[in-house]
Amino acid sequence: MKKLLVPAAYVLLNSDLGTDESIINEVKQILSEEEIEYEVQGVYGVYDIVLKLSSNNAEKLRAVITDKIRKISKVQSTLTMMVIEEQENL
């Protein structure tokens, strides 16, 4: 049996030292203007911020990640993982 999922992505962000809060606030501002559901958390480890995004429109999701999230000035690098939209239950 196959289950259809809403297009989603996880984005891991590395930020300049001490800028996590300002980046999280900027992410929230950007995404509040889009039709994208999101969760954002500061984390310990290799990355500083984890962002989960979902939208009914996969192209819009990709565009927001590429054109807005990745271009935030204090973000050093990102790793984006797009969720497989159709996957078989095990």
PDB file of N, CA and C in Angstrom:
ATOM      1  N   MET A   1       0.837  -1.180   0.000  1.00  0.00           N
ATOM      2  CA  MET A   1       0.000   0.000   0.000  1.00  0.00           C
ATOM      3  C   MET A   1       0.883   1.245   0.000  1.00  0.00           C
ATOM      4  N   LYS A   2       0.579   2.189  -0.883  1.00  0.00           N
ATOM      5  CA  LYS A   2       1.364   3.411  -0.973  1.00  0.00           C
ATOM      6  C   LYS A   2       0.606   4.563  -0.341  1.00  0.00           C
ATOM      7  N   LYS A   3       1.373   5.440   0.289  1.00  0.00           N
ATOM      8  CA  LYS A   3       0.801   6.611   0.951  1.00  0.00           C
ATOM      9  C   LYS A   3       1.378   7.865   0.294  1.00  0.00           C
ATOM     10  N   LEU A   4       0.517   8.764  -0.132  1.00  0.00           N
ATOM     11  CA  LEU A   4       0.981  10.011  -0.734  1.00  0.00           C
ATOM     12  C   LEU A   4       1.266  11.022   0.367  1.00  0.00           C
ATOM     13  N   LEU A   5       2.409  11.665   0.287  1.00  0.00           N
ATOM     14  CA  LEU A   5       2.792  12.666   1.261  1.00  0.00           C
ATOM     15  C   LEU A   5       2.745  14.050   0.635  1.00  0.00           C
ATOM     16  N   VAL A   6       2.563  15.041   1.474  1.00  0.00           N
ATOM     17  CA  VAL A   6       2.643  16.426   1.027  1.00  0.00           C
ATOM     18  C   VAL A   6       4.121  16.732   0.786  1.00  0.00           C
ATOM     19  N   PRO A   7       4.454  17.475  -0.282  1.00  0.00           N
ATOM     20  CA  PRO A   7       5.854  17.829  -0.502  1.00  0.00           C
ATOM     21  C   PRO A   7       6.446  18.491   0.748  1.00  0.00           C
ATOM     22  N   ALA A   8       7.601  17.992   1.167  1.00  0.00           N
ATOM     23  CA  ALA A   8       8.243  18.491   2.381  1.00  0.00           C
ATOM     24  C   ALA A   8       9.749  18.466   2.222  1.00  0.00           C
ATOM     25  N   ALA A   9      10.416  19.251   3.070  1.00  0.00           N
ATOM     26  CA  ALA A   9      11.873  19.287   3.048  1.00  0.00           C
ATOM     27  C   ALA A   9      12.384  19.598   4.448  1.00  0.00           C
ATOM     28  N   TYR A  10      13.568  19.076   4.724  1.00  0.00           N
ATOM     29  CA  TYR A  10      14.308  19.438   5.925  1.00  0.00           C
ATOM     30  C   TYR A  10      15.513  20.240   5.461  1.00  0.00           C
ATOM     31  N   VAL A  11      15.744  21.380   6.110  1.00  0.00           N
ATOM     32  CA  VAL A  11      16.883  22.214   5.758  1.00  0.00           C
ATOM     33  C   VAL A  11      17.721  22.404   7.017  1.00  0.00           C
ATOM     34  N   LEU A  12      18.998  22.022   6.938  1.00  0.00           N
ATOM     35  CA  LEU A  12      19.936  22.212   8.036  1.00  0.00           C
ATOM     36  C   LEU A  12      20.779  23.435   7.709  1.00  0.00           C
ATOM     37  N   LEU A  13      20.901  24.351   8.677  1.00  0.00           N
ATOM     38  CA  LEU A  13      21.622  25.593   8.431  1.00  0.00           C
ATOM     39  C   LEU A  13      22.789  25.754   9.391  1.00  0.00           C
ATOM     40  N   ASN A  14      23.925  26.207   8.866  1.00  0.00           N
ATOM     41  CA  ASN A  14      25.056  26.667   9.669  1.00  0.00           C
ATOM     42  C   ASN A  14      25.038  28.183   9.628  1.00  0.00           C
ATOM     43  N   SER A  15      25.204  28.794  10.793  1.00  0.00           N
ATOM     44  CA  SER A  15      25.128  30.248  10.865  1.00  0.00           C
ATOM     45  C   SER A  15      26.409  30.835  11.445  1.00  0.00           C
ATOM     46  N   ASP A  16      26.587  32.141  11.251  1.00  0.00           N
ATOM     47  CA  ASP A  16      27.677  32.842  11.903  1.00  0.00           C
ATOM     48  C   ASP A  16      27.467  32.746  13.411  1.00  0.00           C
ATOM     49  N   LEU A  17      28.529  32.738  14.152  1.00  0.00           N
ATOM     50  CA  LEU A  17      28.482  32.603  15.599  1.00  0.00           C
ATOM     51  C   LEU A  17      27.583  33.670  16.233  1.00  0.00           C
ATOM     52  N   GLY A  18      26.633  33.225  17.046  1.00  0.00           N
ATOM     53  CA  GLY A  18      25.768  34.142  17.776  1.00  0.00           C
ATOM     54  C   GLY A  18      24.618  34.737  16.988  1.00  0.00           C
ATOM     55  N   THR A  19      24.356  34.235  15.774  1.00  0.00           N
ATOM     56  CA  THR A  19      23.298  34.822  14.942  1.00  0.00           C
ATOM     57  C   THR A  19      22.071  33.924  14.816  1.00  0.00           C
ATOM     58  N   ASP A  20      22.038  32.826  15.572  1.00  0.00           N
ATOM     59  CA  ASP A  20      20.941  31.857  15.450  1.00  0.00           C
ATOM     60  C   ASP A  20      19.575  32.516  15.619  1.00  0.00           C
ATOM     61  N   GLU A  21      19.414  33.304  16.689  1.00  0.00           N
ATOM     62  CA  GLU A  21      18.104  33.914  16.961  1.00  0.00           C
ATOM     63  C   GLU A  21      17.663  34.834  15.844  1.00  0.00           C
ATOM     64  N   SER A  22      18.569  35.653  15.337  1.00  0.00           N
ATOM     65  CA  SER A  22      18.181  36.590  14.276  1.00  0.00           C
ATOM     66  C   SER A  22      17.828  35.841  12.990  1.00  0.00           C
ATOM     67  N   ILE A  23      18.536  34.747  12.706  1.00  0.00           N
ATOM     68  CA  ILE A  23      18.222  33.950  11.516  1.00  0.00           C
ATOM     69  C   ILE A  23      16.864  33.281  11.683  1.00  0.00           C
ATOM     70  N   ILE A  24      16.603  32.713  12.854  1.00  0.00           N
ATOM     71  CA  ILE A  24      15.302  32.085  13.106  1.00  0.00           C
ATOM     72  C   ILE A  24      14.183  33.102  12.926  1.00  0.00           C
ATOM     73  N   ASN A  25      14.363  34.311  13.433  1.00  0.00           N
ATOM     74  CA  ASN A  25      13.347  35.358  13.264  1.00  0.00           C
ATOM     75  C   ASN A  25      13.167  35.734  11.801  1.00  0.00           C
ATOM     76  N   GLU A  26      14.264  35.796  11.048  1.00  0.00           N
ATOM     77  CA  GLU A  26      14.174  36.121   9.621  1.00  0.00           C
ATOM     78  C   GLU A  26      13.474  35.005   8.850  1.00  0.00           C
ATOM     79  N   VAL A  27      13.780  33.755   9.192  1.00  0.00           N
ATOM     80  CA  VAL A  27      13.114  32.608   8.569  1.00  0.00           C
ATOM     81  C   VAL A  27      11.610  32.681   8.823  1.00  0.00           C
ATOM     82  N   LYS A  28      11.222  32.951  10.066  1.00  0.00           N
ATOM     83  CA  LYS A  28       9.801  33.049  10.409  1.00  0.00           C
ATOM     84  C   LYS A  28       9.123  34.163   9.619  1.00  0.00           C
ATOM     85  N   GLN A  29       9.811  35.291   9.468  1.00  0.00           N
ATOM     86  CA  GLN A  29       9.241  36.410   8.709  1.00  0.00           C
ATOM     87  C   GLN A  29       9.064  36.031   7.234  1.00  0.00           C
ATOM     88  N   ILE A  30      10.071  35.414   6.647  1.00  0.00           N
ATOM     89  CA  ILE A  30       9.995  34.997   5.241  1.00  0.00           C
ATOM     90  C   ILE A  30       8.845  34.021   5.043  1.00  0.00           C
ATOM     91  N   LEU A  31       8.757  33.012   5.904  1.00  0.00           N
ATOM     92  CA  LEU A  31       7.768  31.956   5.720  1.00  0.00           C
ATOM     93  C   LEU A  31       6.355  32.380   6.078  1.00  0.00           C
ATOM     94  N   SER A  32       6.205  33.409   6.905  1.00  0.00           N
ATOM     95  CA  SER A  32       4.862  33.903   7.217  1.00  0.00           C
ATOM     96  C   SER A  32       4.209  34.559   5.996  1.00  0.00           C
ATOM     97  N   GLU A  33       5.034  34.978   5.046  1.00  0.00           N
ATOM     98  CA  GLU A  33       4.540  35.607   3.818  1.00  0.00           C
ATOM     99  C   GLU A  33       4.242  34.579   2.720  1.00  0.00           C
ATOM    100  N   GLU A  34       4.609  33.333   2.942  1.00  0.00           N
ATOM    101  CA  GLU A  34       4.432  32.269   1.955  1.00  0.00           C
ATOM    102  C   GLU A  34       3.361  31.296   2.442  1.00  0.00           C
ATOM    103  N   GLU A  35       2.835  30.491   1.539  1.00  0.00           N
ATOM    104  CA  GLU A  35       1.869  29.456   1.914  1.00  0.00           C
ATOM    105  C   GLU A  35       2.617  28.160   2.209  1.00  0.00           C
ATOM    106  N   ILE A  36       3.503  28.231   3.188  1.00  0.00           N
ATOM    107  CA  ILE A  36       4.337  27.100   3.551  1.00  0.00           C
ATOM    108  C   ILE A  36       4.237  26.891   5.051  1.00  0.00           C
ATOM    109  N   GLU A  37       3.947  25.661   5.451  1.00  0.00           N
ATOM    110  CA  GLU A  37       3.950  25.331   6.872  1.00  0.00           C
ATOM    111  C   GLU A  37       5.388  25.035   7.270  1.00  0.00           C
ATOM    112  N   TYR A  38       5.732  25.396   8.511  1.00  0.00           N
ATOM    113  CA  TYR A  38       7.120  25.202   8.912  1.00  0.00           C
ATOM    114  C   TYR A  38       7.262  24.970  10.408  1.00  0.00           C
ATOM    115  N   GLU A  39       8.375  24.359  10.752  1.00  0.00           N
ATOM    116  CA  GLU A  39       8.860  24.253  12.126  1.00  0.00           C
ATOM    117  C   GLU A  39      10.327  24.639  12.065  1.00  0.00           C
ATOM    118  N   VAL A  40      10.776  25.423  13.032  1.00  0.00           N
ATOM    119  CA  VAL A  40      12.181  25.830  13.056  1.00  0.00           C
ATOM    120  C   VAL A  40      12.691  25.721  14.484  1.00  0.00           C
ATOM    121  N   GLN A  41      13.890  25.151  14.622  1.00  0.00           N
ATOM    122  CA  GLN A  41      14.486  24.929  15.940  1.00  0.00           C
ATOM    123  C   GLN A  41      15.986  25.197  15.881  1.00  0.00           C
ATOM    124  N   GLY A  42      16.505  25.824  16.913  1.00  0.00           N
ATOM    125  CA  GLY A  42      17.949  25.892  17.104  1.00  0.00           C
ATOM    126  C   GLY A  42      18.391  24.567  17.694  1.00  0.00           C
ATOM    127  N   VAL A  43      19.545  24.056  17.275  1.00  0.00           N
ATOM    128  CA  VAL A  43      20.024  22.760  17.750  1.00  0.00           C
ATOM    129  C   VAL A  43      21.519  22.823  18.063  1.00  0.00           C
ATOM    130  N   TYR A  44      21.966  21.870  18.880  1.00  0.00           N
ATOM    131  CA  TYR A  44      23.386  21.671  19.143  1.00  0.00           C
ATOM    132  C   TYR A  44      23.908  20.641  18.157  1.00  0.00           C
ATOM    133  N   GLY A  45      25.160  20.777  17.778  1.00  0.00           N
ATOM    134  CA  GLY A  45      25.758  19.780  16.900  1.00  0.00           C
ATOM    135  C   GLY A  45      26.422  20.429  15.700  1.00  0.00           C
ATOM    136  N   VAL A  46      26.536  19.666  14.635  1.00  0.00           N
ATOM    137  CA  VAL A  46      27.215  20.129  13.429  1.00  0.00           C
ATOM    138  C   VAL A  46      26.474  21.321  12.808  1.00  0.00           C
ATOM    139  N   TYR A  47      25.144  21.295  12.870  1.00  0.00           N
ATOM    140  CA  TYR A  47      24.337  22.387  12.326  1.00  0.00           C
ATOM    141  C   TYR A  47      23.758  23.201  13.476  1.00  0.00           C
ATOM    142  N   ASP A  48      23.342  24.428  13.175  1.00  0.00           N
ATOM    143  CA  ASP A  48      22.843  25.342  14.201  1.00  0.00           C
ATOM    144  C   ASP A  48      21.325  25.450  14.228  1.00  0.00           C
ATOM    145  N   ILE A  49      20.693  25.245  13.076  1.00  0.00           N
ATOM    146  CA  ILE A  49      19.243  25.411  12.948  1.00  0.00           C
ATOM    147  C   ILE A  49      18.700  24.296  12.072  1.00  0.00           C
ATOM    148  N   VAL A  50      17.565  23.725  12.471  1.00  0.00           N
ATOM    149  CA  VAL A  50      16.865  22.732  11.664  1.00  0.00           C
ATOM    150  C   VAL A  50      15.514  23.320  11.282  1.00  0.00           C
ATOM    151  N   LEU A  51      15.186  23.216  10.018  1.00  0.00           N
ATOM    152  CA  LEU A  51      13.953  23.771   9.485  1.00  0.00           C
ATOM    153  C   LEU A  51      13.202  22.667   8.759  1.00  0.00           C
ATOM    154  N   LYS A  52      11.933  22.466   9.115  1.00  0.00           N
ATOM    155  CA  LYS A  52      11.075  21.514   8.399  1.00  0.00           C
ATOM    156  C   LYS A  52      10.017  22.324   7.664  1.00  0.00           C
ATOM    157  N   LEU A  53       9.913  22.110   6.375  1.00  0.00           N
ATOM    158  CA  LEU A  53       8.973  22.855   5.530  1.00  0.00           C
ATOM    159  C   LEU A  53       8.021  21.892   4.838  1.00  0.00           C
ATOM    160  N   SER A  54       6.777  22.308   4.663  1.00  0.00           N
ATOM    161  CA  SER A  54       5.844  21.531   3.848  1.00  0.00           C
ATOM    162  C   SER A  54       4.890  22.467   3.135  1.00  0.00           C
ATOM    163  N   SER A  55       4.501  22.050   1.938  1.00  0.00           N
ATOM    164  CA  SER A  55       3.630  22.862   1.094  1.00  0.00           C
ATOM    165  C   SER A  55       2.932  21.938   0.107  1.00  0.00           C
ATOM    166  N   ASN A  56       1.800  22.362  -0.403  1.00  0.00           N
ATOM    167  CA  ASN A  56       1.128  21.604  -1.449  1.00  0.00           C
ATOM    168  C   ASN A  56       1.805  21.780  -2.800  1.00  0.00           C
ATOM    169  N   ASN A  57       2.727  22.734  -2.886  1.00  0.00           N
ATOM    170  CA  ASN A  57       3.383  23.071  -4.145  1.00  0.00           C
ATOM    171  C   ASN A  57       4.897  22.832  -4.011  1.00  0.00           C
ATOM    172  N   ALA A  58       5.389  21.751  -4.588  1.00  0.00           N
ATOM    173  CA  ALA A  58       6.808  21.396  -4.483  1.00  0.00           C
ATOM    174  C   ALA A  58       7.716  22.442  -5.116  1.00  0.00           C
ATOM    175  N   GLU A  59       7.290  23.020  -6.229  1.00  0.00           N
ATOM    176  CA  GLU A  59       8.117  24.036  -6.895  1.00  0.00           C
ATOM    177  C   GLU A  59       8.259  25.281  -6.031  1.00  0.00           C
ATOM    178  N   LYS A  60       7.179  25.682  -5.378  1.00  0.00           N
ATOM    179  CA  LYS A  60       7.233  26.838  -4.489  1.00  0.00           C
ATOM    180  C   LYS A  60       8.168  26.561  -3.315  1.00  0.00           C
ATOM    181  N   LEU A  61       8.098  25.343  -2.799  1.00  0.00           N
ATOM    182  CA  LEU A  61       8.970  24.928  -1.704  1.00  0.00           C
ATOM    183  C   LEU A  61      10.436  25.059  -2.118  1.00  0.00           C
ATOM    184  N   ARG A  62      10.772  24.524  -3.279  1.00  0.00           N
ATOM    185  CA  ARG A  62      12.150  24.610  -3.778  1.00  0.00           C
ATOM    186  C   ARG A  62      12.575  26.059  -3.991  1.00  0.00           C
ATOM    187  N   ALA A  63      11.679  26.865  -4.535  1.00  0.00           N
ATOM    188  CA  ALA A  63      12.005  28.269  -4.810  1.00  0.00           C
ATOM    189  C   ALA A  63      12.265  29.044  -3.519  1.00  0.00           C
ATOM    190  N   VAL A  64      11.462  28.823  -2.509  1.00  0.00           N
ATOM    191  CA  VAL A  64      11.657  29.532  -1.237  1.00  0.00           C
ATOM    192  C   VAL A  64      12.991  29.139  -0.608  1.00  0.00           C
ATOM    193  N   ILE A  65      13.314  27.856  -0.657  1.00  0.00           N
ATOM    194  CA  ILE A  65      14.596  27.400  -0.097  1.00  0.00           C
ATOM    195  C   ILE A  65      15.762  28.026  -0.861  1.00  0.00           C
ATOM    196  N   THR A  66      15.710  27.957  -2.176  1.00  0.00           N
ATOM    197  CA  THR A  66      16.815  28.440  -3.009  1.00  0.00           C
ATOM    198  C   THR A  66      16.919  29.956  -3.026  1.00  0.00           C
ATOM    199  N   ASP A  67      15.799  30.635  -3.213  1.00  0.00           N
ATOM    200  CA  ASP A  67      15.822  32.085  -3.435  1.00  0.00           C
ATOM    201  C   ASP A  67      15.749  32.919  -2.162  1.00  0.00           C
ATOM    202  N   LYS A  68      15.297  32.320  -1.065  1.00  0.00           N
ATOM    203  CA  LYS A  68      15.128  33.131   0.150  1.00  0.00           C
ATOM    204  C   LYS A  68      15.924  32.594   1.339  1.00  0.00           C
ATOM    205  N   ILE A  69      15.688  31.356   1.730  1.00  0.00           N
ATOM    206  CA  ILE A  69      16.338  30.803   2.923  1.00  0.00           C
ATOM    207  C   ILE A  69      17.860  30.756   2.744  1.00  0.00           C
ATOM    208  N   ARG A  70      18.324  30.216   1.625  1.00  0.00           N
ATOM    209  CA  ARG A  70      19.768  30.070   1.406  1.00  0.00           C
ATOM    210  C   ARG A  70      20.472  31.407   1.228  1.00  0.00           C
ATOM    211  N   LYS A  71      19.733  32.468   0.958  1.00  0.00           N
ATOM    212  CA  LYS A  71      20.341  33.779   0.724  1.00  0.00           C
ATOM    213  C   LYS A  71      20.329  34.689   1.950  1.00  0.00           C
ATOM    214  N   ILE A  72      19.884  34.174   3.100  1.00  0.00           N
ATOM    215  CA  ILE A  72      19.950  34.966   4.328  1.00  0.00           C
ATOM    216  C   ILE A  72      21.429  35.247   4.610  1.00  0.00           C
ATOM    217  N   SER A  73      21.754  36.503   4.883  1.00  0.00           N
ATOM    218  CA  SER A  73      23.157  36.933   4.904  1.00  0.00           C
ATOM    219  C   SER A  73      24.034  36.226   5.938  1.00  0.00           C
ATOM    220  N   LYS A  74      23.517  35.860   7.084  1.00  0.00           N
ATOM    221  CA  LYS A  74      24.356  35.273   8.133  1.00  0.00           C
ATOM    222  C   LYS A  74      24.363  33.742   8.101  1.00  0.00           C
ATOM    223  N   VAL A  75      23.762  33.162   7.075  1.00  0.00           N
ATOM    224  CA  VAL A  75      23.784  31.713   6.898  1.00  0.00           C
ATOM    225  C   VAL A  75      25.053  31.352   6.135  1.00  0.00           C
ATOM    226  N   GLN A  76      25.907  30.524   6.750  1.00  0.00           N
ATOM    227  CA  GLN A  76      27.163  30.124   6.109  1.00  0.00           C
ATOM    228  C   GLN A  76      26.949  29.023   5.086  1.00  0.00           C
ATOM    229  N   SER A  77      26.106  28.024   5.445  1.00  0.00           N
ATOM    230  CA  SER A  77      25.859  26.909   4.529  1.00  0.00           C
ATOM    231  C   SER A  77      24.544  26.237   4.889  1.00  0.00           C
ATOM    232  N   THR A  78      24.031  25.464   3.949  1.00  0.00           N
ATOM    233  CA  THR A  78      22.794  24.717   4.172  1.00  0.00           C
ATOM    234  C   THR A  78      22.942  23.313   3.602  1.00  0.00           C
ATOM    235  N   LEU A  79      22.110  22.421   4.126  1.00  0.00           N
ATOM    236  CA  LEU A  79      21.959  21.081   3.575  1.00  0.00           C
ATOM    237  C   LEU A  79      20.467  20.840   3.470  1.00  0.00           C
ATOM    238  N   THR A  80      19.968  20.636   2.253  1.00  0.00           N
ATOM    239  CA  THR A  80      18.540  20.455   2.030  1.00  0.00           C
ATOM    240  C   THR A  80      18.254  19.014   1.673  1.00  0.00           C
ATOM    241  N   MET A  81      17.249  18.456   2.341  1.00  0.00           N
ATOM    242  CA  MET A  81      16.817  17.088   2.061  1.00  0.00           C
ATOM    243  C   MET A  81      15.333  17.132   1.720  1.00  0.00           C
ATOM    244  N   MET A  82      15.013  16.871   0.467  1.00  0.00           N
ATOM    245  CA  MET A  82      13.617  16.829   0.037  1.00  0.00           C
ATOM    246  C   MET A  82      13.060  15.452   0.383  1.00  0.00           C
ATOM    247  N   VAL A  83      11.869  15.430   0.982  1.00  0.00           N
ATOM    248  CA  VAL A  83      11.221  14.179   1.361  1.00  0.00           C
ATOM    249  C   VAL A  83      10.681  13.502   0.114  1.00  0.00           C
ATOM    250  N   ILE A  84      10.803  12.193   0.042  1.00  0.00           N
ATOM    251  CA  ILE A  84      10.248  11.420  -1.070  1.00  0.00           C
ATOM    252  C   ILE A  84       8.731  11.500  -0.959  1.00  0.00           C
ATOM    253  N   GLU A  85       8.079  12.010  -2.000  1.00  0.00           N
ATOM    254  CA  GLU A  85       6.641  12.267  -1.925  1.00  0.00           C
ATOM    255  C   GLU A  85       5.790  11.011  -1.913  1.00  0.00           C
ATOM    256  N   GLU A  86       6.273   9.956  -2.530  1.00  0.00           N
ATOM    257  CA  GLU A  86       5.505   8.723  -2.547  1.00  0.00           C
ATOM    258  C   GLU A  86       6.427   7.596  -2.098  1.00  0.00           C
ATOM    259  N   GLN A  87       6.050   6.982  -1.015  1.00  0.00           N
ATOM    260  CA  GLN A  87       6.901   5.931  -0.479  1.00  0.00           C
ATOM    261  C   GLN A  87       6.049   4.796   0.045  1.00  0.00           C
ATOM    262  N   GLU A  88       6.551   3.621  -0.128  1.00  0.00           N
ATOM    263  CA  GLU A  88       5.798   2.444   0.300  1.00  0.00           C
ATOM    264  C   GLU A  88       5.941   2.244   1.794  1.00  0.00           C
ATOM    265  N   ASN A  89       4.819   1.905   2.460  1.00  0.00           N
ATOM    266  CA  ASN A  89       4.867   1.566   3.879  1.00  0.00           C
ATOM    267  C   ASN A  89       5.541   0.223   4.047  1.00  0.00           C
ATOM    268  N   LEU A  90       6.328   0.097   5.064  1.00  0.00           N
ATOM    269  CA  LEU A  90       7.019  -1.177   5.326  1.00  0.00           C
ATOM    270  C   LEU A  90       6.233  -2.016   6.294  1.00  0.00           C
TER     271      LEU A  90
END
